[in-house]
Amino acid sequence: MTKQEALKLADGSVNKLARLLKISHAAVSSWDDKKIPELREYQLKEIAQQRNQQQELTAWAYYHSRPMQ
């Protein structure tokens, strides 16, 4: 995963990405642009997967809460 791909998960913000991973701004800033550390990539993939599951659950709940027509 590139640094830009990782930043997309945090609205392009180094600060938000650092908070998301519970690391310092300096740590994120020191990452190579072409490949982030493997552990951080794993963490971000887990976070993205959880977000997708939450969105699917929200959509399912919305769909099933509508009155039948």
PDB file of N, CA and C in Angstrom:
ATOM      1  N   MET A   1       0.854  -1.173   0.000  1.00  0.00           N
ATOM      2  CA  MET A   1       0.000   0.000   0.000  1.00  0.00           C
ATOM      3  C   MET A   1       0.898   1.235   0.000  1.00  0.00           C
ATOM      4  N   THR A   2       0.563   2.190  -0.840  1.00  0.00           N
ATOM      5  CA  THR A   2       1.339   3.427  -0.881  1.00  0.00           C
ATOM      6  C   THR A   2       0.870   4.367   0.229  1.00  0.00           C
ATOM      7  N   LYS A   3       1.671   5.373   0.476  1.00  0.00           N
ATOM      8  CA  LYS A   3       1.305   6.369   1.481  1.00  0.00           C
ATOM      9  C   LYS A   3       0.030   7.102   1.067  1.00  0.00           C
ATOM     10  N   GLN A   4      -0.119   7.401  -0.218  1.00  0.00           N
ATOM     11  CA  GLN A   4      -1.314   8.084  -0.713  1.00  0.00           C
ATOM     12  C   GLN A   4      -2.564   7.231  -0.505  1.00  0.00           C
ATOM     13  N   GLU A   5      -2.458   5.932  -0.749  1.00  0.00           N
ATOM     14  CA  GLU A   5      -3.595   5.036  -0.535  1.00  0.00           C
ATOM     15  C   GLU A   5      -3.995   5.019   0.938  1.00  0.00           C
ATOM     16  N   ALA A   6      -2.996   5.000   1.808  1.00  0.00           N
ATOM     17  CA  ALA A   6      -3.261   5.023   3.247  1.00  0.00           C
ATOM     18  C   ALA A   6      -3.932   6.333   3.650  1.00  0.00           C
ATOM     19  N   LEU A   7      -3.448   7.432   3.110  1.00  0.00           N
ATOM     20  CA  LEU A   7      -4.009   8.736   3.448  1.00  0.00           C
ATOM     21  C   LEU A   7      -5.463   8.874   2.997  1.00  0.00           C
ATOM     22  N   LYS A   8      -5.836   8.212   1.914  1.00  0.00           N
ATOM     23  CA  LYS A   8      -7.222   8.264   1.443  1.00  0.00           C
ATOM     24  C   LYS A   8      -8.188   7.736   2.502  1.00  0.00           C
ATOM     25  N   LEU A   9      -7.732   6.790   3.308  1.00  0.00           N
ATOM     26  CA  LEU A   9      -8.580   6.236   4.364  1.00  0.00           C
ATOM     27  C   LEU A   9      -8.796   7.222   5.506  1.00  0.00           C
ATOM     28  N   ALA A  10      -8.011   8.303   5.508  1.00  0.00           N
ATOM     29  CA  ALA A  10      -8.111   9.318   6.560  1.00  0.00           C
ATOM     30  C   ALA A  10      -8.377  10.687   5.949  1.00  0.00           C
ATOM     31  N   ASP A  11      -9.120  10.713   4.874  1.00  0.00           N
ATOM     32  CA  ASP A  11      -9.485  11.968   4.194  1.00  0.00           C
ATOM     33  C   ASP A  11      -8.269  12.794   3.788  1.00  0.00           C
ATOM     34  N   GLY A  12      -7.150  12.130   3.502  1.00  0.00           N
ATOM     35  CA  GLY A  12      -5.952  12.822   3.046  1.00  0.00           C
ATOM     36  C   GLY A  12      -5.167  13.511   4.135  1.00  0.00           C
ATOM     37  N   SER A  13      -5.520  13.285   5.381  1.00  0.00           N
ATOM     38  CA  SER A  13      -4.892  13.983   6.506  1.00  0.00           C
ATOM     39  C   SER A  13      -3.885  13.097   7.244  1.00  0.00           C
ATOM     40  N   VAL A  14      -2.656  13.574   7.339  1.00  0.00           N
ATOM     41  CA  VAL A  14      -1.634  12.854   8.097  1.00  0.00           C
ATOM     42  C   VAL A  14      -2.046  12.790   9.567  1.00  0.00           C
ATOM     43  N   ASN A  15      -2.593  13.881  10.084  1.00  0.00           N
ATOM     44  CA  ASN A  15      -3.023  13.898  11.487  1.00  0.00           C
ATOM     45  C   ASN A  15      -4.105  12.864  11.755  1.00  0.00           C
ATOM     46  N   LYS A  16      -5.106  12.796  10.891  1.00  0.00           N
ATOM     47  CA  LYS A  16      -6.190  11.823  11.067  1.00  0.00           C
ATOM     48  C   LYS A  16      -5.668  10.398  10.960  1.00  0.00           C
ATOM     49  N   LEU A  17      -4.758  10.167  10.020  1.00  0.00           N
ATOM     50  CA  LEU A  17      -4.197   8.833   9.850  1.00  0.00           C
ATOM     51  C   LEU A  17      -3.406   8.427  11.089  1.00  0.00           C
ATOM     52  N   ALA A  18      -2.629   9.340  11.614  1.00  0.00           N
ATOM     53  CA  ALA A  18      -1.856   9.059  12.831  1.00  0.00           C
ATOM     54  C   ALA A  18      -2.787   8.728  13.993  1.00  0.00           C
ATOM     55  N   ARG A  19      -3.848   9.506  14.161  1.00  0.00           N
ATOM     56  CA  ARG A  19      -4.809   9.233  15.239  1.00  0.00           C
ATOM     57  C   ARG A  19      -5.507   7.892  15.038  1.00  0.00           C
ATOM     58  N   LEU A  20      -5.857   7.594  13.802  1.00  0.00           N
ATOM     59  CA  LEU A  20      -6.517   6.337  13.479  1.00  0.00           C
ATOM     60  C   LEU A  20      -5.655   5.140  13.898  1.00  0.00           C
ATOM     61  N   LEU A  21      -4.356   5.259  13.692  1.00  0.00           N
ATOM     62  CA  LEU A  21      -3.426   4.170  14.010  1.00  0.00           C
ATOM     63  C   LEU A  21      -2.814   4.294  15.402  1.00  0.00           C
ATOM     64  N   LYS A  22      -3.140   5.403  16.088  1.00  0.00           N
ATOM     65  CA  LYS A  22      -2.598   5.663  17.424  1.00  0.00           C
ATOM     66  C   LYS A  22      -1.075   5.733  17.400  1.00  0.00           C
ATOM     67  N   ILE A  23      -0.571   6.471  16.408  1.00  0.00           N
ATOM     68  CA  ILE A  23       0.865   6.720  16.296  1.00  0.00           C
ATOM     69  C   ILE A  23       1.075   8.219  16.094  1.00  0.00           C
ATOM     70  N   SER A  24       2.314   8.644  16.064  1.00  0.00           N
ATOM     71  CA  SER A  24       2.601  10.072  15.939  1.00  0.00           C
ATOM     72  C   SER A  24       2.542  10.546  14.484  1.00  0.00           C
ATOM     73  N   HIS A  25       2.308  11.826  14.350  1.00  0.00           N
ATOM     74  CA  HIS A  25       2.340  12.481  13.039  1.00  0.00           C
ATOM     75  C   HIS A  25       3.708  12.248  12.400  1.00  0.00           C
ATOM     76  N   ALA A  26       4.756  12.352  13.196  1.00  0.00           N
ATOM     77  CA  ALA A  26       6.122  12.168  12.690  1.00  0.00           C
ATOM     78  C   ALA A  26       6.329  10.761  12.130  1.00  0.00           C
ATOM     79  N   ALA A  27       5.712   9.775  12.772  1.00  0.00           N
ATOM     80  CA  ALA A  27       5.849   8.395  12.284  1.00  0.00           C
ATOM     81  C   ALA A  27       5.245   8.260  10.889  1.00  0.00           C
ATOM     82  N   VAL A  28       4.058   8.806  10.704  1.00  0.00           N
ATOM     83  CA  VAL A  28       3.410   8.740   9.386  1.00  0.00           C
ATOM     84  C   VAL A  28       4.222   9.519   8.362  1.00  0.00           C
ATOM     85  N   SER A  29       4.689  10.680   8.757  1.00  0.00           N
ATOM     86  CA  SER A  29       5.467  11.520   7.838  1.00  0.00           C
ATOM     87  C   SER A  29       6.756  10.856   7.384  1.00  0.00           C
ATOM     88  N   SER A  30       7.279   9.963   8.208  1.00  0.00           N
ATOM     89  CA  SER A  30       8.552   9.314   7.862  1.00  0.00           C
ATOM     90  C   SER A  30       8.388   8.128   6.917  1.00  0.00           C
ATOM     91  N   TRP A  31       7.149   7.716   6.659  1.00  0.00           N
ATOM     92  CA  TRP A  31       6.928   6.578   5.771  1.00  0.00           C
ATOM     93  C   TRP A  31       7.403   6.880   4.357  1.00  0.00           C
ATOM     94  N   ASP A  32       7.881   5.847   3.691  1.00  0.00           N
ATOM     95  CA  ASP A  32       8.231   5.930   2.279  1.00  0.00           C
ATOM     96  C   ASP A  32       6.943   6.136   1.481  1.00  0.00           C
ATOM     97  N   ASP A  33       6.991   6.957   0.453  1.00  0.00           N
ATOM     98  CA  ASP A  33       5.795   7.247  -0.347  1.00  0.00           C
ATOM     99  C   ASP A  33       5.292   6.030  -1.120  1.00  0.00           C
ATOM    100  N   LYS A  34       6.183   5.112  -1.458  1.00  0.00           N
ATOM    101  CA  LYS A  34       5.807   3.985  -2.310  1.00  0.00           C
ATOM    102  C   LYS A  34       5.344   2.755  -1.541  1.00  0.00           C
ATOM    103  N   LYS A  35       5.731   2.634  -0.270  1.00  0.00           N
ATOM    104  CA  LYS A  35       5.361   1.441   0.507  1.00  0.00           C
ATOM    105  C   LYS A  35       5.380   1.780   1.991  1.00  0.00           C
ATOM    106  N   ILE A  36       4.203   1.623   2.629  1.00  0.00           N
ATOM    107  CA  ILE A  36       4.139   1.896   4.063  1.00  0.00           C
ATOM    108  C   ILE A  36       4.568   0.634   4.824  1.00  0.00           C
ATOM    109  N   PRO A  37       4.878   0.767   6.117  1.00  0.00           N
ATOM    110  CA  PRO A  37       5.273  -0.417   6.892  1.00  0.00           C
ATOM    111  C   PRO A  37       4.188  -1.500   6.864  1.00  0.00           C
ATOM    112  N   GLU A  38       4.636  -2.727   6.813  1.00  0.00           N
ATOM    113  CA  GLU A  38       3.738  -3.866   6.649  1.00  0.00           C
ATOM    114  C   GLU A  38       2.688  -3.954   7.759  1.00  0.00           C
ATOM    115  N   LEU A  39       3.080  -3.728   9.007  1.00  0.00           N
ATOM    116  CA  LEU A  39       2.129  -3.787  10.113  1.00  0.00           C
ATOM    117  C   LEU A  39       1.044  -2.728   9.954  1.00  0.00           C
ATOM    118  N   ARG A  40       1.428  -1.524   9.534  1.00  0.00           N
ATOM    119  CA  ARG A  40       0.449  -0.444   9.352  1.00  0.00           C
ATOM    120  C   ARG A  40      -0.503  -0.763   8.202  1.00  0.00           C
ATOM    121  N   GLU A  41       0.028  -1.381   7.160  1.00  0.00           N
ATOM    122  CA  GLU A  41      -0.832  -1.790   6.041  1.00  0.00           C
ATOM    123  C   GLU A  41      -1.872  -2.797   6.518  1.00  0.00           C
ATOM    124  N   TYR A  42      -1.446  -3.745   7.318  1.00  0.00           N
ATOM    125  CA  TYR A  42      -2.369  -4.740   7.864  1.00  0.00           C
ATOM    126  C   TYR A  42      -3.446  -4.052   8.710  1.00  0.00           C
ATOM    127  N   GLN A  43      -3.020  -3.130   9.578  1.00  0.00           N
ATOM    128  CA  GLN A  43      -3.979  -2.415  10.428  1.00  0.00           C
ATOM    129  C   GLN A  43      -4.999  -1.652   9.579  1.00  0.00           C
ATOM    130  N   LEU A  44      -4.521  -0.979   8.561  1.00  0.00           N
ATOM    131  CA  LEU A  44      -5.411  -0.185   7.721  1.00  0.00           C
ATOM    132  C   LEU A  44      -6.382  -1.057   6.936  1.00  0.00           C
ATOM    133  N   LYS A  45      -5.938  -2.202   6.498  1.00  0.00           N
ATOM    134  CA  LYS A  45      -6.836  -3.124   5.796  1.00  0.00           C
ATOM    135  C   LYS A  45      -7.926  -3.625   6.733  1.00  0.00           C
ATOM    136  N   GLU A  46      -7.575  -3.886   7.989  1.00  0.00           N
ATOM    137  CA  GLU A  46      -8.568  -4.298   8.983  1.00  0.00           C
ATOM    138  C   GLU A  46      -9.577  -3.177   9.230  1.00  0.00           C
ATOM    139  N   ILE A  47      -9.097  -1.954   9.348  1.00  0.00           N
ATOM    140  CA  ILE A  47      -9.973  -0.804   9.570  1.00  0.00           C
ATOM    141  C   ILE A  47     -10.909  -0.615   8.379  1.00  0.00           C
ATOM    142  N   ALA A  48     -10.377  -0.729   7.168  1.00  0.00           N
ATOM    143  CA  ALA A  48     -11.200  -0.576   5.962  1.00  0.00           C
ATOM    144  C   ALA A  48     -12.265  -1.667   5.899  1.00  0.00           C
ATOM    145  N   GLN A  49     -11.893  -2.878   6.262  1.00  0.00           N
ATOM    146  CA  GLN A  49     -12.841  -3.987   6.249  1.00  0.00           C
ATOM    147  C   GLN A  49     -13.949  -3.743   7.269  1.00  0.00           C
ATOM    148  N   GLN A  50     -13.607  -3.262   8.445  1.00  0.00           N
ATOM    149  CA  GLN A  50     -14.612  -2.964   9.470  1.00  0.00           C
ATOM    150  C   GLN A  50     -15.557  -1.862   9.003  1.00  0.00           C
ATOM    151  N   ARG A  51     -15.010  -0.851   8.347  1.00  0.00           N
ATOM    152  CA  ARG A  51     -15.850   0.229   7.814  1.00  0.00           C
ATOM    153  C   ARG A  51     -16.838  -0.301   6.779  1.00  0.00           C
ATOM    154  N   ASN A  52     -16.350  -1.158   5.888  1.00  0.00           N
ATOM    155  CA  ASN A  52     -17.222  -1.737   4.856  1.00  0.00           C
ATOM    156  C   ASN A  52     -18.330  -2.570   5.478  1.00  0.00           C
ATOM    157  N   GLN A  53     -17.988  -3.344   6.499  1.00  0.00           N
ATOM    158  CA  GLN A  53     -19.000  -4.158   7.169  1.00  0.00           C
ATOM    159  C   GLN A  53     -20.039  -3.268   7.839  1.00  0.00           C
ATOM    160  N   GLN A  54     -19.585  -2.176   8.450  1.00  0.00           N
ATOM    161  CA  GLN A  54     -20.512  -1.263   9.108  1.00  0.00           C
ATOM    162  C   GLN A  54     -21.441  -0.610   8.084  1.00  0.00           C
ATOM    163  N   GLN A  55     -20.887  -0.223   6.929  1.00  0.00           N
ATOM    164  CA  GLN A  55     -21.720   0.384   5.882  1.00  0.00           C
ATOM    165  C   GLN A  55     -22.746  -0.605   5.359  1.00  0.00           C
ATOM    166  N   GLU A  56     -22.343  -1.854   5.182  1.00  0.00           N
ATOM    167  CA  GLU A  56     -23.273  -2.877   4.713  1.00  0.00           C
ATOM    168  C   GLU A  56     -24.376  -3.106   5.734  1.00  0.00           C
ATOM    169  N   LEU A  57     -24.015  -3.137   7.003  1.00  0.00           N
ATOM    170  CA  LEU A  57     -25.002  -3.331   8.059  1.00  0.00           C
ATOM    171  C   LEU A  57     -25.973  -2.157   8.116  1.00  0.00           C
ATOM    172  N   THR A  58     -25.456  -0.961   7.967  1.00  0.00           N
ATOM    173  CA  THR A  58     -26.304   0.230   7.973  1.00  0.00           C
ATOM    174  C   THR A  58     -27.277   0.196   6.792  1.00  0.00           C
ATOM    175  N   ALA A  59     -26.787  -0.168   5.624  1.00  0.00           N
ATOM    176  CA  ALA A  59     -27.649  -0.256   4.442  1.00  0.00           C
ATOM    177  C   ALA A  59     -28.710  -1.336   4.629  1.00  0.00           C
ATOM    178  N   TRP A  60     -28.311  -2.477   5.177  1.00  0.00           N
ATOM    179  CA  TRP A  60     -29.263  -3.564   5.417  1.00  0.00           C
ATOM    180  C   TRP A  60     -30.334  -3.100   6.396  1.00  0.00           C
ATOM    181  N   ALA A  61     -29.925  -2.449   7.491  1.00  0.00           N
ATOM    182  CA  ALA A  61     -30.881  -1.984   8.500  1.00  0.00           C
ATOM    183  C   ALA A  61     -31.838  -0.951   7.906  1.00  0.00           C
ATOM    184  N   TYR A  62     -31.328  -0.064   7.075  1.00  0.00           N
ATOM    185  CA  TYR A  62     -32.176   0.941   6.435  1.00  0.00           C
ATOM    186  C   TYR A  62     -33.197   0.269   5.529  1.00  0.00           C
ATOM    187  N   TYR A  63     -32.733  -0.646   4.709  1.00  0.00           N
ATOM    188  CA  TYR A  63     -33.613  -1.337   3.767  1.00  0.00           C
ATOM    189  C   TYR A  63     -34.723  -2.083   4.505  1.00  0.00           C
ATOM    190  N   HIS A  64     -34.353  -2.767   5.585  1.00  0.00           N
ATOM    191  CA  HIS A  64     -35.320  -3.589   6.308  1.00  0.00           C
ATOM    192  C   HIS A  64     -36.181  -2.800   7.291  1.00  0.00           C
ATOM    193  N   SER A  65     -35.879  -1.547   7.495  1.00  0.00           N
ATOM    194  CA  SER A  65     -36.693  -0.735   8.400  1.00  0.00           C
ATOM    195  C   SER A  65     -37.788   0.031   7.654  1.00  0.00           C
ATOM    196  N   ARG A  66     -37.734   0.005   6.329  1.00  0.00           N
ATOM    197  CA  ARG A  66     -38.744   0.712   5.528  1.00  0.00           C
ATOM    198  C   ARG A  66     -40.057  -0.063   5.564  1.00  0.00           C
ATOM    199  N   PRO A  67     -41.172   0.652   5.553  1.00  0.00           N
ATOM    200  CA  PRO A  67     -42.475  -0.020   5.514  1.00  0.00           C
ATOM    201  C   PRO A  67     -42.652  -0.799   4.202  1.00  0.00           C
ATOM    202  N   MET A  68     -43.286  -1.931   4.299  1.00  0.00           N
ATOM    203  CA  MET A  68     -43.569  -2.734   3.103  1.00  0.00           C
ATOM    204  C   MET A  68     -44.636  -2.027   2.274  1.00  0.00           C
ATOM    205  N   GLN A  69     -44.484  -2.094   0.963  1.00  0.00           N
ATOM    206  CA  GLN A  69     -45.471  -1.442   0.081  1.00  0.00           C
ATOM    207  C   GLN A  69     -46.192  -2.453  -0.746  1.00  0.00           C
TER     208      GLN A  69
END
